[in-house]
Protein backbone atom coordinates (compact mmCIF):
# COMPACT_ATOMS: atom_id res chain seq x y z
CA MET A 1 49.23 -22.69 -135.14
CA ALA A 2 49.04 -24.44 -131.74
CA ILE A 3 48.38 -28.17 -131.91
CA LEU A 4 45.04 -27.91 -130.03
CA GLU A 5 43.84 -24.65 -131.54
CA GLY A 6 40.14 -24.90 -132.40
CA VAL A 7 39.52 -27.65 -129.80
CA ARG A 8 37.02 -26.92 -127.03
CA ILE A 9 37.23 -28.89 -123.76
CA LEU A 10 34.63 -29.04 -121.00
CA GLU A 11 36.13 -29.92 -117.62
CA PHE A 12 34.40 -31.41 -114.59
CA GLY A 13 37.53 -31.48 -112.44
CA TRP A 14 38.52 -31.90 -108.81
CA ALA A 15 41.86 -31.34 -107.06
CA VAL A 16 44.93 -31.30 -109.35
CA ALA A 17 45.41 -34.02 -111.99
CA GLY A 18 42.33 -33.15 -114.04
CA HIS A 19 42.93 -29.42 -113.66
CA LEU A 20 46.48 -29.62 -114.93
CA THR A 21 45.50 -31.75 -117.92
CA THR A 22 43.15 -29.09 -119.25
CA SER A 23 45.32 -26.16 -118.17
CA TRP A 24 48.20 -27.58 -120.20
CA ALA A 25 45.75 -28.18 -123.06
CA SER A 26 44.92 -24.47 -123.01
CA GLY A 27 48.64 -23.78 -123.33
CA TYR A 28 48.53 -25.69 -126.61
CA GLY A 29 45.64 -23.60 -127.92
CA ALA A 30 42.52 -25.36 -126.61
CA GLU A 31 39.57 -23.42 -125.26
CA VAL A 32 38.76 -24.83 -121.82
CA ILE A 33 35.53 -24.30 -119.89
CA LYS A 34 35.66 -25.36 -116.24
CA VAL A 35 32.43 -26.38 -114.51
CA GLU A 36 32.17 -25.90 -110.75
CA THR A 37 29.44 -25.72 -108.14
CA ARG A 38 29.01 -23.27 -105.27
CA THR A 39 27.59 -26.00 -103.04
CA ARG A 40 30.89 -27.92 -103.06
CA PRO A 41 33.81 -25.65 -104.05
CA ASP A 42 36.94 -27.25 -105.45
CA ILE A 43 39.18 -28.30 -102.56
CA ILE A 44 42.26 -26.52 -103.89
CA ARG A 45 40.44 -23.17 -103.69
CA SER A 46 41.25 -23.45 -99.98
CA PHE A 47 45.00 -23.96 -100.55
CA THR A 48 47.51 -21.29 -99.60
CA PRO A 49 49.03 -18.88 -100.45
CA PHE A 50 46.19 -16.39 -100.72
CA LYS A 51 46.23 -13.03 -102.47
CA ASN A 52 46.94 -10.28 -99.91
CA ASP A 53 47.01 -13.05 -97.25
CA LYS A 54 43.21 -13.01 -97.25
CA ALA A 55 41.59 -16.45 -97.17
CA ASP A 56 38.89 -16.54 -99.80
CA LEU A 57 37.67 -19.02 -102.43
CA ASN A 58 38.76 -16.61 -105.16
CA ASN A 59 42.14 -15.74 -103.68
CA SER A 60 44.12 -18.99 -103.86
CA HIS A 61 47.29 -18.63 -105.92
CA PHE A 62 47.58 -22.42 -106.03
CA PHE A 63 44.12 -22.76 -107.60
CA ALA A 64 44.88 -19.98 -110.07
CA ARG A 65 48.14 -21.60 -111.15
CA GLU A 66 46.62 -25.04 -111.68
CA ASN A 67 43.70 -23.57 -113.64
CA ALA A 68 45.45 -20.99 -115.77
CA GLY A 69 44.03 -20.26 -119.20
CA LYS A 70 40.44 -21.39 -118.56
CA LYS A 71 36.94 -20.00 -118.66
CA SER A 72 34.68 -20.92 -115.76
CA ILE A 73 31.00 -21.44 -114.98
CA THR A 74 29.18 -22.51 -111.82
CA LEU A 75 26.27 -24.94 -112.16
CA ASN A 76 24.13 -26.92 -109.76
CA LEU A 77 24.37 -30.22 -111.61
CA LYS A 78 21.78 -31.82 -109.31
CA HIS A 79 19.14 -29.37 -110.56
CA PRO A 80 17.42 -30.24 -113.86
CA GLN A 81 18.16 -26.81 -115.33
CA GLY A 82 21.82 -27.06 -114.31
CA ARG A 83 22.10 -30.43 -116.03
CA GLU A 84 20.37 -28.98 -119.11
CA VAL A 85 22.95 -26.18 -119.32
CA ALA A 86 25.76 -28.72 -118.92
CA LEU A 87 24.37 -30.80 -121.80
CA SER A 88 24.13 -27.71 -123.99
CA LEU A 89 27.82 -27.06 -123.32
CA VAL A 90 28.71 -30.67 -124.12
CA ALA A 91 26.98 -30.32 -127.49
CA ARG A 92 29.38 -27.48 -128.32
CA CYS A 93 32.58 -29.16 -127.12
CA ASP A 94 35.01 -31.66 -128.62
CA VAL A 95 36.28 -33.18 -125.37
CA VAL A 96 34.90 -33.72 -121.87
CA LEU A 97 37.29 -34.46 -119.00
CA GLU A 98 36.08 -35.49 -115.57
CA SER A 99 38.13 -36.43 -112.52
CA TYR A 100 35.43 -37.25 -110.00
CA THR A 101 35.20 -40.53 -108.12
CA SER A 102 33.95 -43.41 -110.25
CA GLY A 103 30.19 -43.29 -110.77
CA ALA A 104 29.74 -39.63 -109.80
CA MET A 105 29.00 -38.47 -113.35
CA ALA A 106 26.49 -41.30 -113.85
CA LYS A 107 24.61 -40.24 -110.70
CA LEU A 108 24.27 -36.77 -112.21
CA GLY A 109 22.96 -38.16 -115.47
CA LEU A 110 26.16 -37.10 -117.23
CA ALA A 111 27.79 -40.45 -118.00
CA TYR A 112 29.33 -41.00 -121.43
CA GLN A 113 26.19 -42.79 -122.60
CA ASP A 114 24.18 -39.68 -121.71
CA LEU A 115 26.58 -37.21 -123.30
CA VAL A 116 26.84 -38.93 -126.68
CA GLN A 117 23.11 -38.39 -127.09
CA VAL A 118 23.83 -34.69 -127.62
CA LYS A 119 27.34 -35.05 -129.17
CA SER A 120 27.74 -38.29 -131.11
CA ASP A 121 31.47 -37.93 -131.83
CA LEU A 122 32.37 -36.79 -128.31
CA ILE A 123 35.74 -37.64 -126.77
CA MET A 124 35.57 -38.19 -123.02
CA LEU A 125 38.34 -38.98 -120.55
CA SER A 126 37.66 -40.07 -116.97
CA SER A 127 40.63 -39.68 -114.62
CA CYS A 128 40.13 -41.01 -111.09
CA MET A 129 42.54 -42.91 -108.88
CA TYR A 130 41.49 -46.50 -109.58
CA GLY A 131 39.47 -46.26 -112.78
CA GLN A 132 35.81 -46.96 -113.46
CA SER A 133 35.88 -50.70 -112.74
CA GLY A 134 37.32 -53.04 -110.14
CA ASP A 135 36.90 -53.43 -106.38
CA LEU A 136 38.53 -50.06 -105.58
CA ARG A 137 36.66 -47.97 -108.16
CA SER A 138 34.54 -46.11 -105.58
CA MET A 139 37.45 -45.24 -103.27
CA PRO A 140 38.39 -41.54 -103.45
CA GLY A 141 41.92 -40.36 -102.89
CA TYR A 142 44.69 -37.89 -103.64
CA GLY A 143 48.14 -37.83 -105.15
CA MET A 144 50.24 -38.45 -102.03
CA PRO A 145 48.84 -41.91 -101.21
CA LEU A 146 48.72 -42.68 -104.93
CA THR A 147 52.45 -41.93 -105.17
CA ALA A 148 53.03 -44.63 -102.55
CA LEU A 149 50.67 -47.09 -104.26
CA CYS A 150 52.57 -46.68 -107.53
CA GLY A 151 55.83 -47.66 -105.81
CA LEU A 152 57.50 -44.26 -106.17
CA THR A 153 57.66 -43.66 -102.42
CA HIS A 154 59.26 -47.06 -101.74
CA LEU A 155 61.95 -46.42 -104.35
CA THR A 156 62.95 -42.96 -103.10
CA GLY A 157 65.60 -42.67 -100.40
CA TRP A 158 68.53 -44.61 -99.01
CA PRO A 159 68.65 -48.42 -98.80
CA ASP A 160 69.38 -48.41 -95.04
CA ARG A 161 66.64 -45.92 -94.17
CA ALA A 162 62.87 -45.72 -94.39
CA PRO A 163 61.43 -44.46 -97.70
CA CYS A 164 61.21 -40.69 -97.92
CA GLY A 165 59.24 -40.42 -101.16
CA PRO A 166 59.31 -37.67 -103.78
CA TYR A 167 57.97 -34.27 -102.79
CA GLY A 168 54.22 -33.78 -102.47
CA ALA A 169 51.46 -35.29 -104.61
CA TYR A 170 53.98 -36.39 -107.23
CA THR A 171 51.58 -38.34 -109.45
CA ASP A 172 49.39 -35.24 -109.84
CA TYR A 173 52.17 -33.88 -112.06
CA LEU A 174 52.83 -37.14 -113.92
CA VAL A 175 49.30 -38.27 -114.78
CA PRO A 176 48.33 -35.12 -116.76
CA ARG A 177 51.13 -35.80 -119.24
CA LEU A 178 49.60 -39.13 -120.23
CA ASN A 179 46.06 -37.72 -120.09
CA LEU A 180 46.97 -34.99 -122.54
CA LEU A 181 48.69 -37.44 -124.88
CA ALA A 182 45.59 -39.65 -124.77
CA ILE A 183 43.36 -36.71 -125.67
CA ALA A 184 45.62 -35.74 -128.57
CA ALA A 185 45.57 -39.34 -129.84
CA ALA A 186 41.77 -39.48 -129.54
CA LEU A 187 41.44 -36.26 -131.53
CA ASP A 188 43.64 -37.76 -134.24
CA HIS A 189 41.49 -40.91 -134.19
CA ARG A 190 38.31 -38.86 -134.60
CA GLN A 191 39.82 -36.85 -137.44
CA ARG A 192 40.63 -40.08 -139.30
CA THR A 193 37.49 -42.09 -138.50
CA GLY A 194 34.81 -39.57 -137.56
CA ARG A 195 34.21 -41.43 -134.30
CA GLY A 196 34.61 -40.29 -130.73
CA VAL A 197 35.98 -42.43 -127.93
CA TYR A 198 35.63 -42.94 -124.18
CA MET A 199 38.85 -43.36 -122.18
CA ASP A 200 39.01 -44.76 -118.65
CA ALA A 201 42.37 -43.36 -117.52
CA ALA A 202 43.04 -44.77 -114.04
CA GLN A 203 45.66 -42.62 -112.33
CA LEU A 204 47.18 -45.67 -110.64
CA GLU A 205 47.90 -47.27 -114.01
CA ALA A 206 49.32 -44.02 -115.36
CA GLY A 207 51.61 -43.56 -112.36
CA ALA A 208 52.85 -47.16 -112.60
CA GLN A 209 54.24 -46.42 -116.08
CA PHE A 210 56.95 -44.32 -114.45
CA VAL A 211 58.33 -47.31 -112.52
CA ALA A 212 58.00 -49.72 -115.46
CA PRO A 213 61.76 -50.54 -115.68
CA VAL A 214 61.83 -51.51 -112.01
CA LEU A 215 58.69 -53.64 -112.38
CA LEU A 216 60.20 -55.38 -115.39
CA GLN A 217 63.44 -56.06 -113.50
CA ALA A 218 61.49 -57.53 -110.58
CA ALA A 219 59.53 -59.77 -112.94
CA LEU A 220 62.72 -61.03 -114.58
CA THR A 221 64.83 -61.53 -111.46
CA GLY A 222 62.23 -62.26 -108.82
CA GLU A 223 63.96 -59.76 -106.52
CA ALA A 224 62.08 -56.90 -104.92
CA PRO A 225 63.46 -53.48 -105.93
CA THR A 226 64.95 -51.27 -103.26
CA ARG A 227 66.21 -47.73 -102.78
CA VAL A 228 69.64 -46.79 -104.15
CA GLY A 229 70.09 -43.24 -102.87
CA ASN A 230 71.77 -41.07 -105.51
CA GLN A 231 73.09 -43.97 -107.55
CA ASP A 232 71.87 -44.64 -111.07
CA SER A 233 72.20 -47.94 -112.92
CA GLN A 234 72.71 -46.08 -116.21
CA ALA A 235 75.16 -43.40 -115.10
CA ALA A 236 78.52 -43.12 -113.32
CA PRO A 237 79.79 -41.25 -111.50
CA HIS A 238 76.29 -40.28 -110.39
CA GLY A 239 75.93 -38.98 -106.86
CA VAL A 240 76.59 -36.24 -104.33
CA TYR A 241 80.11 -36.39 -102.92
CA PRO A 242 81.70 -34.65 -99.89
CA CYS A 243 84.31 -31.91 -100.18
CA ALA A 244 86.77 -30.71 -97.55
CA GLY A 245 85.20 -28.72 -94.74
CA ARG A 246 81.78 -28.76 -93.17
CA ASP A 247 78.65 -29.40 -95.23
CA ARG A 248 80.34 -28.93 -98.61
CA TRP A 249 79.34 -31.15 -101.51
CA VAL A 250 79.64 -31.61 -105.23
CA ALA A 251 76.99 -33.25 -107.43
CA SER A 252 77.80 -35.38 -110.46
CA PRO A 253 74.97 -36.26 -112.87
CA TYR A 254 77.10 -37.90 -115.55
CA SER A 255 75.70 -40.53 -117.90
CA PRO A 256 77.63 -43.04 -120.04
CA MET A 257 77.03 -40.84 -123.09
CA SER A 258 78.86 -37.90 -121.52
CA SER A 259 81.35 -39.51 -119.17
CA GLY A 260 82.53 -42.64 -120.89
CA ARG A 261 81.97 -46.27 -120.00
CA ALA A 262 85.30 -46.42 -118.18
CA TRP A 263 83.64 -44.61 -115.30
CA CYS A 264 81.01 -47.32 -114.84
CA GLY A 265 83.53 -49.55 -113.10
CA PRO A 266 85.50 -49.38 -109.84
CA TRP A 267 86.33 -45.68 -110.19
CA ALA A 268 82.77 -44.67 -109.38
CA ARG A 269 83.34 -46.02 -105.86
CA ARG A 270 86.57 -44.02 -105.44
CA ILE A 271 85.16 -40.57 -106.24
CA GLY A 272 84.16 -39.76 -102.64
CA PRO A 273 87.65 -40.09 -101.10
CA TRP A 274 89.05 -38.07 -104.00
CA THR A 275 86.61 -35.12 -103.67
CA ARG A 276 87.24 -34.87 -99.92
CA SER A 277 90.51 -33.13 -100.79
CA TRP A 278 88.69 -30.33 -102.61
CA PRO A 279 88.70 -27.16 -100.46
CA LYS A 280 85.34 -25.96 -101.85
CA PRO A 281 82.60 -27.18 -104.18
CA ARG A 282 83.20 -26.53 -107.83
CA ALA A 283 80.75 -24.61 -109.99
CA ALA A 284 80.83 -27.51 -112.45
CA TRP A 285 82.03 -31.07 -112.18
CA PRO A 286 85.07 -31.51 -114.44
CA GLY A 287 84.37 -34.02 -117.16
CA PRO A 288 86.53 -37.12 -117.54
CA ARG A 289 88.14 -35.63 -120.66
CA SER A 290 89.84 -33.07 -118.42
CA TRP A 291 91.40 -35.85 -116.39
CA THR A 292 94.24 -38.16 -117.30
CA SER A 293 93.24 -41.20 -119.28
CA VAL A 294 91.89 -43.86 -116.95
CA SER A 295 90.48 -47.32 -117.12
CA PRO A 296 89.06 -49.61 -114.43
CA SER A 297 92.53 -51.05 -113.90
CA GLY A 298 94.48 -47.79 -114.26
CA PRO A 299 95.61 -45.16 -111.73
CA ALA A 300 93.30 -42.95 -109.71
CA PRO A 301 92.15 -39.82 -111.55
CA ARG A 302 94.36 -36.78 -111.31
CA ARG A 303 92.69 -33.70 -109.94
CA PRO A 304 92.44 -31.00 -112.66
CA GLY A 305 95.06 -28.27 -112.42
CA ARG A 306 97.73 -30.51 -110.86
């Protein structure tokens, strides 16, 4: 039995983060009903690629991927009858997720206080960029600027170059993980207490969790974090190193658990000159156990096979 089997979720979503939360929920057995409106189609319905290269609101592969596993209904939520249908759906659902700008649901008469009148033990999660309170609550936005606001863009790249940032709207694929965990926890809470819960899940706060170690280090040392390229404070050798020839490289993702603490010392800085003698990249980086025994004060590692 899937963990969310028997759970019904009503989604008032926009763009990606909310969509992915409920799509992943459907993968764990939930029944998801997506509410849209023809007067303002979801923005990602216009995203390429399109089926048969024909631009159409129903042809976006991107939209289909992010909304897999859902049922769908179109409602004019500004019309009294559309709102009435929405409330009838709420009464039959366990969870409501909305990812509109703060205050949008209240303007439609669909705020949490309105919904609990028809479903007293309702679980509702609101997922917008800045949350439902604070000076920035009414500011709309998308994942790419949010990735920068969380600090992820600043931390990605080389220390002597401008930040390059992770690919795309990175937080759109981080936030749903925490949203889904929050929904699962709320369902457990309701099962134990019989009470629903409202959750204000600001995407900025969720994204900041993924740079928590860096924030903690800055708080302790007073030093601003910077970019470190391919280096990793918990792993060595960890990087991409040149081989002999033109544009030939070898990647090493070793951690202390797999490569031994001896490699966390001066040897990590001597890997590059060593790999330059390799005539071609290797299919797999040879582990330290295949080398001669080394220590930070010992000889340079012997290339395997010699």
